[in-house]
């Protein structure tokens, strides 16, 4: 997956990403192994734009 790429919910699930319920964030947060992926909905509200990937330990600090 590439930063700034657009993905459907199905494509995200096929990559093995699991949604994490994050409070106080407008972003959709997904986990996969040691990485945390941050997505935002595009203007059509159908696709998700990946805008950041960080290490899981950084996210939970």
C-alpha atoms as a PDB file:
ATOM      1  CA  UNK A   1       0.000   0.000   0.000  1.00  0.00           C
ATOM      2  CA  UNK A   2       1.244   3.470  -0.855  1.00  0.00           C
ATOM      3  CA  UNK A   3       0.732   6.726   0.990  1.00  0.00           C
ATOM      4  CA  UNK A   4      -1.778   8.980  -0.828  1.00  0.00           C
ATOM      5  CA  UNK A   5      -3.209   5.946  -2.626  1.00  0.00           C
ATOM      6  CA  UNK A   6      -6.981   5.455  -2.788  1.00  0.00           C
ATOM      7  CA  UNK A   7      -8.419   2.141  -1.625  1.00  0.00           C
ATOM      8  CA  UNK A   8     -11.872   0.657  -1.213  1.00  0.00           C
ATOM      9  CA  UNK A   9     -12.932  -0.939   2.050  1.00  0.00           C
ATOM     10  CA  UNK A  10     -12.705  -4.332   0.323  1.00  0.00           C
ATOM     11  CA  UNK A  11      -9.107  -3.717  -0.787  1.00  0.00           C
ATOM     12  CA  UNK A  12      -8.160  -2.718   2.755  1.00  0.00           C
ATOM     13  CA  UNK A  13      -9.703  -5.905   4.155  1.00  0.00           C
ATOM     14  CA  UNK A  14      -7.963  -8.021   1.504  1.00  0.00           C
ATOM     15  CA  UNK A  15      -4.606  -6.619   2.686  1.00  0.00           C
ATOM     16  CA  UNK A  16      -5.337  -8.113   6.099  1.00  0.00           C
ATOM     17  CA  UNK A  17      -5.848  -4.790   7.849  1.00  0.00           C
ATOM     18  CA  UNK A  18      -8.132  -4.851  10.882  1.00  0.00           C
ATOM     19  CA  UNK A  19     -10.027  -1.708  11.866  1.00  0.00           C
ATOM     20  CA  UNK A  20      -9.201  -0.336  15.301  1.00  0.00           C
ATOM     21  CA  UNK A  21     -11.830   1.734  17.125  1.00  0.00           C
ATOM     22  CA  UNK A  22     -10.023   5.020  17.746  1.00  0.00           C
ATOM     23  CA  UNK A  23     -11.673   7.729  19.819  1.00  0.00           C
ATOM     24  CA  UNK A  24     -11.223  11.428  19.172  1.00  0.00           C
ATOM     25  CA  UNK A  25      -9.802  10.848  15.683  1.00  0.00           C
ATOM     26  CA  UNK A  26     -11.523  11.629  12.405  1.00  0.00           C
ATOM     27  CA  UNK A  27      -9.276   9.085  10.724  1.00  0.00           C
ATOM     28  CA  UNK A  28     -10.040   5.427  10.219  1.00  0.00           C
ATOM     29  CA  UNK A  29      -7.305   3.433  11.927  1.00  0.00           C
ATOM     30  CA  UNK A  30      -6.308  -0.053  10.802  1.00  0.00           C
ATOM     31  CA  UNK A  31      -3.744  -2.427  12.298  1.00  0.00           C
ATOM     32  CA  UNK A  32      -1.615  -5.061  10.609  1.00  0.00           C
ATOM     33  CA  UNK A  33       1.185  -6.691  12.548  1.00  0.00           C
ATOM     34  CA  UNK A  34       3.493  -3.961  13.838  1.00  0.00           C
ATOM     35  CA  UNK A  35       2.109  -1.175  11.635  1.00  0.00           C
ATOM     36  CA  UNK A  36      -0.762   1.263  12.074  1.00  0.00           C
ATOM     37  CA  UNK A  37      -2.417   2.699   8.958  1.00  0.00           C
ATOM     38  CA  UNK A  38      -4.385   5.959   8.960  1.00  0.00           C
ATOM     39  CA  UNK A  39      -7.036   6.526   6.314  1.00  0.00           C
ATOM     40  CA  UNK A  40      -9.472   9.332   5.571  1.00  0.00           C
ATOM     41  CA  UNK A  41     -12.576   9.153   3.420  1.00  0.00           C
ATOM     42  CA  UNK A  42     -12.370  10.947   0.083  1.00  0.00           C
ATOM     43  CA  UNK A  43     -14.934  13.504  -1.052  1.00  0.00           C
ATOM     44  CA  UNK A  44     -17.223  10.838  -2.539  1.00  0.00           C
ATOM     45  CA  UNK A  45     -17.254   8.970   0.808  1.00  0.00           C
ATOM     46  CA  UNK A  46     -16.538   5.720  -1.069  1.00  0.00           C
ATOM     47  CA  UNK A  47     -12.762   5.408  -1.090  1.00  0.00           C
ATOM     48  CA  UNK A  48     -10.164   5.753   1.622  1.00  0.00           C
ATOM     49  CA  UNK A  49      -6.927   7.702   1.184  1.00  0.00           C
ATOM     50  CA  UNK A  50      -3.956   6.314   3.076  1.00  0.00           C
ATOM     51  CA  UNK A  51      -2.131   9.278   4.578  1.00  0.00           C
ATOM     52  CA  UNK A  52       0.167   7.798   7.224  1.00  0.00           C
ATOM     53  CA  UNK A  53       1.786   4.566   8.367  1.00  0.00           C
ATOM     54  CA  UNK A  54       3.497   4.361  11.745  1.00  0.00           C
ATOM     55  CA  UNK A  55       4.881   1.692  14.033  1.00  0.00           C
ATOM     56  CA  UNK A  56       2.362   0.189  16.469  1.00  0.00           C
ATOM     57  CA  UNK A  57       4.436   1.092  19.548  1.00  0.00           C
ATOM     58  CA  UNK A  58       4.363   4.779  18.569  1.00  0.00           C
ATOM     59  CA  UNK A  59       0.590   4.706  18.272  1.00  0.00           C
ATOM     60  CA  UNK A  60      -0.054   3.203  21.691  1.00  0.00           C
ATOM     61  CA  UNK A  61       2.345   5.478  23.590  1.00  0.00           C
END
